[in-house]
C-alpha atoms as a PDB file:
ATOM      1  CA  MET A   1      52.349 126.869 -12.647  1.00  0.00           C
ATOM      2  CA  ARG A   2      49.049 125.812 -11.094  1.00  0.00           C
ATOM      3  CA  ARG A   3      46.099 128.083 -11.855  1.00  0.00           C
ATOM      4  CA  ARG A   4      44.153 129.354  -8.853  1.00  0.00           C
ATOM      5  CA  ALA A   5      40.691 127.814  -8.526  1.00  0.00           C
ATOM      6  CA  LYS A   6      37.766 130.080  -9.362  1.00  0.00           C
ATOM      7  CA  ALA A   7      36.306 131.845  -6.345  1.00  0.00           C
ATOM      8  CA  PRO A   8      32.898 130.583  -5.205  1.00  0.00           C
ATOM      9  CA  SER A   9      29.830 132.768  -5.481  1.00  0.00           C
ATOM     10  CA  ALA A  10      29.290 135.255  -2.690  1.00  0.00           C
ATOM     11  CA  PRO A  11      26.982 133.945   0.061  1.00  0.00           C
ATOM     12  CA  LEU A  12      25.969 137.504   0.938  1.00  0.00           C
ATOM     13  CA  PRO A  13      23.485 139.512  -1.150  1.00  0.00           C
ATOM     14  CA  GLN A  14      24.183 143.019  -2.352  1.00  0.00           C
ATOM     15  CA  ARG A  15      23.497 145.821   0.089  1.00  0.00           C
ATOM     16  CA  ASP A  16      22.082 149.042  -1.372  1.00  0.00           C
ATOM     17  CA  GLY A  17      23.333 147.948  -4.791  1.00  0.00           C
ATOM     18  CA  VAL A  18      26.890 147.319  -3.538  1.00  0.00           C
ATOM     19  CA  ASP A  19      28.603 143.914  -3.668  1.00  0.00           C
ATOM     20  CA  PRO A  20      30.166 142.454  -0.517  1.00  0.00           C
ATOM     21  CA  VAL A  21      33.940 142.639  -0.198  1.00  0.00           C
ATOM     22  CA  ARG A  22      35.646 139.329  -0.996  1.00  0.00           C
ATOM     23  CA  VAL A  23      38.739 138.301   0.987  1.00  0.00           C
ATOM     24  CA  ARG A  24      41.093 135.425   0.183  1.00  0.00           C
ATOM     25  CA  LEU A  25      43.246 134.359   3.107  1.00  0.00           C
ATOM     26  CA  PRO A  26      46.823 134.596   1.796  1.00  0.00           C
ATOM     27  CA  GLU A  27      49.879 132.467   2.343  1.00  0.00           C
ATOM     28  CA  ASP A  28      52.348 134.424   4.464  1.00  0.00           C
ATOM     29  CA  PRO A  29      54.657 132.175   6.493  1.00  0.00           C
ATOM     30  CA  GLY A  30      56.174 135.139   8.344  1.00  0.00           C
ATOM     31  CA  ALA A  31      52.867 136.385   9.741  1.00  0.00           C
ATOM     32  CA  GLY A  32      52.065 133.330  11.849  1.00  0.00           C
ATOM     33  CA  TRP A  33      48.294 133.835  12.070  1.00  0.00           C
ATOM     34  CA  ALA A  34      46.824 131.057  14.193  1.00  0.00           C
ATOM     35  CA  THR A  35      43.179 132.117  13.840  1.00  0.00           C
ATOM     36  CA  VAL A  36      40.974 133.895  11.353  1.00  0.00           C
ATOM     37  CA  ARG A  37      40.489 136.704  13.875  1.00  0.00           C
ATOM     38  CA  GLU A  38      44.229 137.368  14.108  1.00  0.00           C
ATOM     39  CA  HIS A  39      44.476 137.778  10.346  1.00  0.00           C
ATOM     40  CA  LEU A  40      41.438 140.041  10.067  1.00  0.00           C
ATOM     41  CA  VAL A  41      42.694 142.301  12.864  1.00  0.00           C
ATOM     42  CA  ASP A  42      46.117 142.446  11.240  1.00  0.00           C
ATOM     43  CA  ARG A  43      44.615 143.129   7.824  1.00  0.00           C
ATOM     44  CA  TYR A  44      41.984 145.750   8.666  1.00  0.00           C
ATOM     45  CA  GLY A  45      42.795 146.994  12.171  1.00  0.00           C
ATOM     46  CA  ALA A  46      44.932 149.930  11.058  1.00  0.00           C
ATOM     47  CA  ALA A  47      42.244 151.140   8.640  1.00  0.00           C
ATOM     48  CA  VAL A  48      39.072 150.856  10.732  1.00  0.00           C
ATOM     49  CA  GLY A  49      40.356 150.144  14.246  1.00  0.00           C
ATOM     50  CA  VAL A  50      41.034 146.867  16.036  1.00  0.00           C
ATOM     51  CA  GLY A  51      37.914 147.253  18.157  1.00  0.00           C
ATOM     52  CA  ARG A  52      35.716 147.653  15.079  1.00  0.00           C
ATOM     53  CA  VAL A  53      37.163 144.533  13.459  1.00  0.00           C
ATOM     54  CA  GLU A  54      36.646 142.560  16.662  1.00  0.00           C
ATOM     55  CA  ALA A  55      33.037 143.766  16.830  1.00  0.00           C
ATOM     56  CA  MET A  56      32.387 142.751  13.216  1.00  0.00           C
ATOM     57  CA  VAL A  57      33.707 139.261  13.954  1.00  0.00           C
ATOM     58  CA  ARG A  58      31.463 138.945  17.033  1.00  0.00           C
ATOM     59  CA  GLU A  59      28.448 140.167  15.039  1.00  0.00           C
ATOM     60  CA  GLY A  60      28.980 137.523  12.360  1.00  0.00           C
ATOM     61  CA  ARG A  61      29.726 140.135   9.693  1.00  0.00           C
ATOM     62  CA  PHE A  62      32.461 137.984   8.115  1.00  0.00           C
ATOM     63  CA  VAL A  63      30.902 135.098   6.225  1.00  0.00           C
ATOM     64  CA  GLY A  64      32.309 132.022   4.512  1.00  0.00           C
ATOM     65  CA  VAL A  65      30.572 129.679   2.087  1.00  0.00           C
ATOM     66  CA  ASP A  66      29.112 127.812   5.088  1.00  0.00           C
ATOM     67  CA  GLY A  67      27.916 130.841   7.029  1.00  0.00           C
ATOM     68  CA  PRO A  68      29.251 133.312   9.618  1.00  0.00           C
ATOM     69  CA  VAL A  69      32.861 132.827  10.645  1.00  0.00           C
ATOM     70  CA  ASP A  70      33.912 132.120  14.237  1.00  0.00           C
ATOM     71  CA  GLY A  71      36.990 134.257  14.767  1.00  0.00           C
ATOM     72  CA  ASP A  72      38.678 131.473  16.717  1.00  0.00           C
ATOM     73  CA  GLU A  73      38.585 129.106  13.751  1.00  0.00           C
ATOM     74  CA  PRO A  74      42.077 128.032  12.612  1.00  0.00           C
ATOM     75  CA  TYR A  75      43.592 130.120   9.841  1.00  0.00           C
ATOM     76  CA  THR A  76      43.355 128.315   6.495  1.00  0.00           C
ATOM     77  CA  VAL A  77      45.343 129.512   3.480  1.00  0.00           C
ATOM     78  CA  GLY A  78      43.204 130.152   0.410  1.00  0.00           C
ATOM     79  CA  ARG A  79      39.876 130.325   2.220  1.00  0.00           C
ATOM     80  CA  TYR A  80      37.384 132.893   0.921  1.00  0.00           C
ATOM     81  CA  LEU A  81      35.447 135.219   3.195  1.00  0.00           C
ATOM     82  CA  TRP A  82      32.987 138.018   2.444  1.00  0.00           C
ATOM     83  CA  PHE A  83      31.727 141.026   4.377  1.00  0.00           C
ATOM     84  CA  HIS A  84      29.937 144.325   3.877  1.00  0.00           C
ATOM     85  CA  ARG A  85      32.041 147.261   4.958  1.00  0.00           C
ATOM     86  CA  ASP A  86      30.508 150.114   6.917  1.00  0.00           C
ATOM     87  CA  PHE A  87      29.288 152.647   4.382  1.00  0.00           C
ATOM     88  CA  PRO A  88      30.407 156.247   4.908  1.00  0.00           C
ATOM     89  CA  ALA A  89      27.861 158.976   5.487  1.00  0.00           C
ATOM     90  CA  GLU A  90      27.103 160.437   2.057  1.00  0.00           C
ATOM     91  CA  THR A  91      25.331 163.588   0.951  1.00  0.00           C
ATOM     92  CA  PRO A  92      22.721 162.529  -1.620  1.00  0.00           C
ATOM     93  CA  VAL A  93      23.352 163.889  -5.103  1.00  0.00           C
ATOM     94  CA  PRO A  94      20.048 165.682  -5.825  1.00  0.00           C
ATOM     95  CA  PHE A  95      19.886 164.861  -9.531  1.00  0.00           C
ATOM     96  CA  PRO A  96      18.393 161.833 -11.291  1.00  0.00           C
ATOM     97  CA  ILE A  97      20.307 159.501 -13.569  1.00  0.00           C
ATOM     98  CA  GLY A  98      18.853 159.578 -17.058  1.00  0.00           C
ATOM     99  CA  VAL A  99      18.683 156.476 -19.230  1.00  0.00           C
ATOM    100  CA  VAL A 100      19.038 157.284 -22.927  1.00  0.00           C
ATOM    101  CA  TYR A 101      19.019 153.647 -24.078  1.00  0.00           C
ATOM    102  CA  ARG A 102      18.443 150.178 -22.656  1.00  0.00           C
ATOM    103  CA  ASP A 103      18.322 146.662 -24.082  1.00  0.00           C
ATOM    104  CA  GLU A 104      19.201 143.138 -22.910  1.00  0.00           C
ATOM    105  CA  ARG A 105      22.951 143.847 -23.109  1.00  0.00           C
ATOM    106  CA  VAL A 106      23.571 147.500 -22.254  1.00  0.00           C
ATOM    107  CA  VAL A 107      22.242 150.532 -20.416  1.00  0.00           C
ATOM    108  CA  VAL A 108      23.463 153.930 -21.589  1.00  0.00           C
ATOM    109  CA  ALA A 109      23.203 156.181 -18.538  1.00  0.00           C
ATOM    110  CA  ASP A 110      23.134 159.979 -18.572  1.00  0.00           C
ATOM    111  CA  LYS A 111      25.151 160.683 -15.430  1.00  0.00           C
ATOM    112  CA  PRO A 112      24.586 163.939 -13.547  1.00  0.00           C
ATOM    113  CA  HIS A 113      27.407 166.092 -12.229  1.00  0.00           C
ATOM    114  CA  PHE A 114      28.803 165.154  -8.780  1.00  0.00           C
ATOM    115  CA  LEU A 115      27.912 161.445  -9.031  1.00  0.00           C
ATOM    116  CA  ALA A 116      30.800 158.966  -9.071  1.00  0.00           C
ATOM    117  CA  THR A 117      30.682 156.102 -11.553  1.00  0.00           C
ATOM    118  CA  MET A 118      31.877 153.310  -9.233  1.00  0.00           C
ATOM    119  CA  PRO A 119      31.998 152.890  -5.439  1.00  0.00           C
ATOM    120  CA  ARG A 120      35.307 154.207  -4.146  1.00  0.00           C
ATOM    121  CA  GLY A 121      36.483 155.952  -0.993  1.00  0.00           C
ATOM    122  CA  ARG A 122      33.744 158.144   0.459  1.00  0.00           C
ATOM    123  CA  HIS A 123      31.410 157.630  -2.507  1.00  0.00           C
ATOM    124  CA  VAL A 124      29.725 154.225  -2.293  1.00  0.00           C
ATOM    125  CA  THR A 125      25.928 154.162  -2.465  1.00  0.00           C
ATOM    126  CA  GLU A 126      25.795 157.559  -4.188  1.00  0.00           C
ATOM    127  CA  THR A 127      27.275 156.217  -7.420  1.00  0.00           C
ATOM    128  CA  VAL A 128      25.958 155.405 -10.871  1.00  0.00           C
ATOM    129  CA  LEU A 129      26.537 151.691 -10.304  1.00  0.00           C
ATOM    130  CA  ALA A 130      24.749 151.396  -6.957  1.00  0.00           C
ATOM    131  CA  ARG A 131      21.856 153.689  -7.849  1.00  0.00           C
ATOM    132  CA  LEU A 132      21.121 152.075 -11.218  1.00  0.00           C
ATOM    133  CA  ARG A 133      21.312 148.581  -9.767  1.00  0.00           C
ATOM    134  CA  ARG A 134      18.660 149.604  -7.246  1.00  0.00           C
ATOM    135  CA  GLU A 135      16.502 151.676  -9.592  1.00  0.00           C
ATOM    136  CA  LEU A 136      16.527 149.282 -12.558  1.00  0.00           C
ATOM    137  CA  GLY A 137      16.646 146.001 -10.646  1.00  0.00           C
ATOM    138  CA  LEU A 138      19.834 144.917 -12.445  1.00  0.00           C
ATOM    139  CA  PRO A 139      22.126 143.423  -9.772  1.00  0.00           C
ATOM    140  CA  HIS A 140      24.893 142.424 -12.213  1.00  0.00           C
ATOM    141  CA  LEU A 141      25.134 145.813 -13.943  1.00  0.00           C
ATOM    142  CA  GLN A 142      28.706 147.071 -14.420  1.00  0.00           C
ATOM    143  CA  PRO A 143      30.121 150.141 -16.211  1.00  0.00           C
ATOM    144  CA  ALA A 144      32.337 149.451 -19.218  1.00  0.00           C
ATOM    145  CA  HIS A 145      34.386 152.597 -18.492  1.00  0.00           C
ATOM    146  CA  ARG A 146      34.636 155.446 -15.998  1.00  0.00           C
ATOM    147  CA  LEU A 147      33.637 159.087 -16.105  1.00  0.00           C
ATOM    148  CA  ASP A 148      35.029 161.621 -13.622  1.00  0.00           C
ATOM    149  CA  ARG A 149      32.694 162.317 -10.712  1.00  0.00           C
ATOM    150  CA  LEU A 150      32.417 166.034 -11.501  1.00  0.00           C
ATOM    151  CA  THR A 151      31.757 165.450 -15.219  1.00  0.00           C
ATOM    152  CA  ALA A 152      28.222 164.835 -16.474  1.00  0.00           C
ATOM    153  CA  GLY A 153      27.180 162.751 -19.449  1.00  0.00           C
ATOM    154  CA  LEU A 154      27.117 159.308 -20.990  1.00  0.00           C
ATOM    155  CA  VAL A 155      28.308 156.128 -19.282  1.00  0.00           C
ATOM    156  CA  LEU A 156      27.962 152.775 -21.048  1.00  0.00           C
ATOM    157  CA  CYS A 157      26.934 150.030 -18.606  1.00  0.00           C
ATOM    158  CA  VAL A 158      26.790 146.302 -19.299  1.00  0.00           C
ATOM    159  CA  VAL A 159      23.877 144.198 -18.043  1.00  0.00           C
ATOM    160  CA  ARG A 160      25.477 140.719 -18.111  1.00  0.00           C
ATOM    161  CA  PRO A 161      28.931 139.930 -16.687  1.00  0.00           C
ATOM    162  CA  GLU A 162      29.836 137.712 -19.650  1.00  0.00           C
ATOM    163  CA  ASP A 163      29.404 140.651 -22.063  1.00  0.00           C
ATOM    164  CA  ARG A 164      31.475 143.192 -20.148  1.00  0.00           C
ATOM    165  CA  GLY A 165      34.877 142.272 -21.559  1.00  0.00           C
ATOM    166  CA  ALA A 166      33.807 142.870 -25.165  1.00  0.00           C
ATOM    167  CA  TYR A 167      32.606 146.403 -24.417  1.00  0.00           C
ATOM    168  CA  GLN A 168      35.613 147.207 -22.216  1.00  0.00           C
ATOM    169  CA  THR A 169      37.863 146.171 -25.097  1.00  0.00           C
ATOM    170  CA  LEU A 170      36.282 148.852 -27.290  1.00  0.00           C
ATOM    171  CA  PHE A 171      37.405 151.532 -24.855  1.00  0.00           C
ATOM    172  CA  ARG A 172      40.820 149.951 -24.300  1.00  0.00           C
ATOM    173  CA  ASP A 173      41.493 149.791 -28.032  1.00  0.00           C
ATOM    174  CA  ARG A 174      40.167 153.349 -28.634  1.00  0.00           C
ATOM    175  CA  LEU A 175      37.336 152.118 -30.817  1.00  0.00           C
ATOM    176  CA  VAL A 176      34.807 154.421 -29.141  1.00  0.00           C
ATOM    177  CA  ARG A 177      34.483 157.974 -30.431  1.00  0.00           C
ATOM    178  CA  LYS A 178      33.816 160.313 -27.504  1.00  0.00           C
ATOM    179  CA  GLU A 179      32.712 163.901 -27.875  1.00  0.00           C
ATOM    180  CA  TYR A 180      32.583 166.338 -24.971  1.00  0.00           C
ATOM    181  CA  GLU A 181      31.195 169.840 -24.588  1.00  0.00           C
ATOM    182  CA  ALA A 182      32.623 172.455 -22.225  1.00  0.00           C
ATOM    183  CA  VAL A 183      32.134 176.072 -21.177  1.00  0.00           C
ATOM    184  CA  ALA A 184      35.265 178.137 -20.464  1.00  0.00           C
ATOM    185  CA  PRO A 185      36.562 181.669 -20.965  1.00  0.00           C
ATOM    186  CA  TYR A 186      36.765 182.919 -24.544  1.00  0.00           C
ATOM    187  CA  ASP A 187      40.120 184.281 -25.673  1.00  0.00           C
ATOM    188  CA  PRO A 188      40.398 185.401 -29.312  1.00  0.00           C
ATOM    189  CA  ALA A 189      44.183 185.089 -29.017  1.00  0.00           C
ATOM    190  CA  VAL A 190      43.903 181.302 -28.699  1.00  0.00           C
ATOM    191  CA  ALA A 191      43.867 179.918 -32.235  1.00  0.00           C
ATOM    192  CA  LEU A 192      41.241 177.204 -32.625  1.00  0.00           C
ATOM    193  CA  PRO A 193      40.705 174.492 -33.645  1.00  0.00           C
ATOM    194  CA  VAL A 194      43.854 172.986 -32.211  1.00  0.00           C
ATOM    195  CA  THR A 195      45.136 169.502 -31.416  1.00  0.00           C
ATOM    196  CA  VAL A 196      46.957 169.364 -28.090  1.00  0.00           C
ATOM    197  CA  ARG A 197      49.495 166.611 -27.428  1.00  0.00           C
ATOM    198  CA  SER A 198      51.367 166.487 -24.140  1.00  0.00           C
ATOM    199  CA  ARG A 199      52.634 164.216 -21.405  1.00  0.00           C
ATOM    200  CA  ILE A 200      50.283 164.132 -18.392  1.00  0.00           C
ATOM    201  CA  GLU A 201      51.242 162.597 -15.062  1.00  0.00           C
ATOM    202  CA  LYS A 202      49.045 162.101 -12.015  1.00  0.00           C
ATOM    203  CA  GLU A 203      50.615 161.297  -8.657  1.00  0.00           C
ATOM    204  CA  ARG A 204      48.724 159.107  -6.234  1.00  0.00           C
ATOM    205  CA  GLY A 205      47.236 161.219  -3.457  1.00  0.00           C
ATOM    206  CA  VAL A 206      47.669 164.488  -5.378  1.00  0.00           C
ATOM    207  CA  MET A 207      44.441 166.081  -6.601  1.00  0.00           C
ATOM    208  CA  ALA A 208      45.707 167.726  -9.783  1.00  0.00           C
ATOM    209  CA  ALA A 209      47.373 166.073 -12.759  1.00  0.00           C
ATOM    210  CA  ARG A 210      50.102 168.028 -14.527  1.00  0.00           C
ATOM    211  CA  GLU A 211      51.781 168.367 -17.892  1.00  0.00           C
ATOM    212  CA  VAL A 212      55.475 167.507 -17.831  1.00  0.00           C
ATOM    213  CA  PRO A 213      58.256 167.349 -20.416  1.00  0.00           C
ATOM    214  CA  GLY A 214      58.586 164.074 -22.276  1.00  0.00           C
ATOM    215  CA  GLU A 215      56.981 161.836 -24.863  1.00  0.00           C
ATOM    216  CA  PRO A 216      53.287 162.773 -25.253  1.00  0.00           C
ATOM    217  CA  ASN A 217      50.819 160.280 -23.785  1.00  0.00           C
ATOM    218  CA  SER A 218      47.669 162.349 -24.330  1.00  0.00           C
ATOM    219  CA  GLU A 219      45.914 163.942 -27.283  1.00  0.00           C
ATOM    220  CA  SER A 220      42.807 166.131 -27.549  1.00  0.00           C
ATOM    221  CA  ARG A 221      41.250 168.179 -30.343  1.00  0.00           C
ATOM    222  CA  ILE A 222      39.610 171.400 -29.197  1.00  0.00           C
ATOM    223  CA  GLU A 223      37.114 173.337 -31.297  1.00  0.00           C
ATOM    224  CA  LEU A 224      35.157 176.535 -30.595  1.00  0.00           C
ATOM    225  CA  LEU A 225      31.413 176.163 -31.140  1.00  0.00           C
ATOM    226  CA  ARG A 226      30.379 179.728 -30.247  1.00  0.00           C
ATOM    227  CA  HIS A 227      31.173 182.545 -27.827  1.00  0.00           C
ATOM    228  CA  GLU A 228      29.081 185.025 -25.921  1.00  0.00           C
ATOM    229  CA  GLY A 229      29.688 187.433 -23.046  1.00  0.00           C
ATOM    230  CA  GLY A 230      33.308 186.466 -22.574  1.00  0.00           C
ATOM    231  CA  LEU A 231      32.586 182.744 -22.482  1.00  0.00           C
ATOM    232  CA  GLY A 232      33.117 180.090 -25.120  1.00  0.00           C
ATOM    233  CA  TRP A 233      31.283 176.841 -25.768  1.00  0.00           C
ATOM    234  CA  TYR A 234      33.759 174.207 -26.921  1.00  0.00           C
ATOM    235  CA  ARG A 235      33.708 170.760 -28.527  1.00  0.00           C
ATOM    236  CA  LEU A 236      36.409 168.524 -27.058  1.00  0.00           C
ATOM    237  CA  LEU A 237      37.464 165.317 -28.821  1.00  0.00           C
ATOM    238  CA  PRO A 238      39.843 163.168 -26.766  1.00  0.00           C
ATOM    239  CA  VAL A 239      41.935 160.573 -28.573  1.00  0.00           C
ATOM    240  CA  THR A 240      43.424 159.213 -25.353  1.00  0.00           C
ATOM    241  CA  GLY A 241      41.955 158.992 -21.857  1.00  0.00           C
ATOM    242  CA  ARG A 242      44.409 160.243 -19.244  1.00  0.00           C
ATOM    243  CA  THR A 243      43.081 161.350 -15.862  1.00  0.00           C
ATOM    244  CA  HIS A 244      41.607 164.883 -16.109  1.00  0.00           C
ATOM    245  CA  GLN A 245      42.984 165.102 -19.649  1.00  0.00           C
ATOM    246  CA  LEU A 246      40.486 167.575 -21.085  1.00  0.00           C
ATOM    247  CA  ARG A 247      40.616 169.791 -18.012  1.00  0.00           C
ATOM    248  CA  VAL A 248      44.418 169.805 -18.072  1.00  0.00           C
ATOM    249  CA  HIS A 249      44.585 170.602 -21.792  1.00  0.00           C
ATOM    250  CA  MET A 250      42.043 173.416 -21.567  1.00  0.00           C
ATOM    251  CA  ASN A 251      43.828 174.875 -18.562  1.00  0.00           C
ATOM    252  CA  GLY A 252      47.130 174.653 -20.439  1.00  0.00           C
ATOM    253  CA  LEU A 253      45.624 176.820 -23.187  1.00  0.00           C
ATOM    254  CA  GLY A 254      44.648 179.418 -20.603  1.00  0.00           C
ATOM    255  CA  LEU A 255      40.984 178.363 -20.846  1.00  0.00           C
ATOM    256  CA  PRO A 256      40.174 176.631 -17.525  1.00  0.00           C
ATOM    257  CA  LEU A 257      36.701 175.132 -17.434  1.00  0.00           C
ATOM    258  CA  LEU A 258      34.026 177.090 -15.644  1.00  0.00           C
ATOM    259  CA  HIS A 259      33.558 176.051 -11.987  1.00  0.00           C
ATOM    260  CA  ASP A 260      36.566 173.707 -12.032  1.00  0.00           C
ATOM    261  CA  PRO A 261      37.623 173.183  -8.380  1.00  0.00           C
ATOM    262  CA  VAL A 262      41.079 171.856  -9.325  1.00  0.00           C
ATOM    263  CA  TYR A 263      42.411 173.774 -12.340  1.00  0.00           C
ATOM    264  CA  PRO A 264      44.080 176.234 -12.271  1.00  0.00           C
ATOM    265  CA  VAL A 265      43.928 176.294  -8.436  1.00  0.00           C
ATOM    266  CA  VAL A 266      42.877 173.488  -6.098  1.00  0.00           C
ATOM    267  CA  ARG A 267      40.114 174.798  -3.883  1.00  0.00           C
ATOM    268  CA  GLU A 268      39.804 173.876  -0.221  1.00  0.00           C
ATOM    269  CA  ASP A 269      37.686 170.815   0.427  1.00  0.00           C
ATOM    270  CA  GLY A 270      34.185 171.602   1.635  1.00  0.00           C
ATOM    271  CA  PRO A 271      30.503 170.936   1.016  1.00  0.00           C
ATOM    272  CA  GLU A 272      29.497 170.382  -2.595  1.00  0.00           C
ATOM    273  CA  ASP A 273      28.057 173.429  -4.339  1.00  0.00           C
ATOM    274  CA  PHE A 274      25.406 171.679  -6.419  1.00  0.00           C
ATOM    275  CA  GLY A 275      24.467 174.992  -8.009  1.00  0.00           C
ATOM    276  CA  ARG A 276      27.894 175.398  -9.657  1.00  0.00           C
ATOM    277  CA  PRO A 277      28.717 172.154 -11.486  1.00  0.00           C
ATOM    278  CA  LEU A 278      31.876 171.756 -13.535  1.00  0.00           C
ATOM    279  CA  GLN A 279      30.988 172.799 -17.067  1.00  0.00           C
ATOM    280  CA  LEU A 280      32.055 169.587 -18.776  1.00  0.00           C
ATOM    281  CA  LEU A 281      29.699 167.120 -20.457  1.00  0.00           C
ATOM    282  CA  ALA A 282      30.367 163.771 -22.136  1.00  0.00           C
ATOM    283  CA  ARG A 283      27.866 164.454 -24.900  1.00  0.00           C
ATOM    284  CA  THR A 284      28.314 161.645 -27.448  1.00  0.00           C
ATOM    285  CA  LEU A 285      29.410 157.998 -27.612  1.00  0.00           C
ATOM    286  CA  GLU A 286      29.830 156.236 -30.963  1.00  0.00           C
ATOM    287  CA  PHE A 287      31.000 152.659 -31.575  1.00  0.00           C
ATOM    288  CA  THR A 288      30.269 149.482 -33.497  1.00  0.00           C
ATOM    289  CA  ASP A 289      28.517 146.992 -31.259  1.00  0.00           C
ATOM    290  CA  PRO A 290      30.818 143.971 -30.763  1.00  0.00           C
ATOM    291  CA  PHE A 291      27.926 141.502 -30.786  1.00  0.00           C
ATOM    292  CA  THR A 292      25.636 142.806 -33.520  1.00  0.00           C
ATOM    293  CA  GLY A 293      28.064 144.740 -35.726  1.00  0.00           C
ATOM    294  CA  VAL A 294      25.608 147.648 -35.737  1.00  0.00           C
ATOM    295  CA  ALA A 295      26.965 151.205 -35.583  1.00  0.00           C
ATOM    296  CA  ARG A 296      25.643 152.870 -32.427  1.00  0.00           C
ATOM    297  CA  ARG A 297      25.486 156.571 -31.568  1.00  0.00           C
ATOM    298  CA  PHE A 298      24.140 157.946 -28.308  1.00  0.00           C
ATOM    299  CA  GLU A 299      23.756 161.574 -27.240  1.00  0.00           C
ATOM    300  CA  SER A 300      23.280 163.043 -23.770  1.00  0.00           C
ATOM    301  CA  ARG A 301      20.084 164.917 -23.010  1.00  0.00           C
ATOM    302  CA  THR A 302      21.871 167.059 -20.411  1.00  0.00           C
ATOM    303  CA  ARG A 303      22.586 170.700 -21.203  1.00  0.00           C
ATOM    304  CA  LEU A 304      25.364 172.688 -19.595  1.00  0.00           C
ATOM    305  CA  SER A 305      24.055 175.514 -17.441  1.00  0.00           C
ATOM    306  CA  GLY A 306      26.836 177.997 -18.226  1.00  0.00           C
ATOM    307  CA  PRO A 307      27.837 180.637 -15.655  1.00  0.00           C
ATOM    308  CA  GLY A 308      25.310 179.524 -13.030  1.00  0.00           C
END
């Protein structure tokens, strides 16, 4: 089996800290594309509109290694093109990104609530990746893992592309100890500490994950730090990393996190309430650095606001 040749470097620069989209023209004998324009309209017309794709072609927005693409050029299998998509209108997240540590290999960011880690869907320039690339002047910066948009706290980012795999492997192999803090109702009837193991499934397009019968695929330890006025402050120690795992496990105990817009009830979509952030914080990251062998421990400087 012949290995595909490595893609050439993008001829377009980043825009607002976001890389251009790369397109490889596929082999599809049944499609019968005669020109590049026909393929692009077929590929993106349903998503953004045929007229918009046609306009982008006319404006020279699709670029090959030799410059802007003429839409009437013959279709060539395997050719690479790049373009910048139209960014959605985004409400700026009015909180700064803290940096708790930085060296030539990594940046440990202290992410605020409401800020996505990576560009996706309607969150593109208002993300940790795009903002830090712009603010720190590090165009190749990439996160080694993800943190939910509504959760605040530590995100490990890698400065050089060649180092990213080693740090990602730490998270994949569960060699990173992660400690979270949360605020939720206090119920003396819930015996703590407790280790929760359950099977969590998340359907594509459905906001909430759910616990279902079956072999457990998630594990969290939950400890009570203190309680006051009907609320508890909790230490959460995830062993696995399923989507919304800590929120699902706390909700399953009858202790839904304060200001959670999904658990136990999905709230109607609307403007962000920046004054009522989800009370969940990724407080600590601990791991042995794969390059130096040094034990590293980082702690967030963010403090949960409580009831708000």
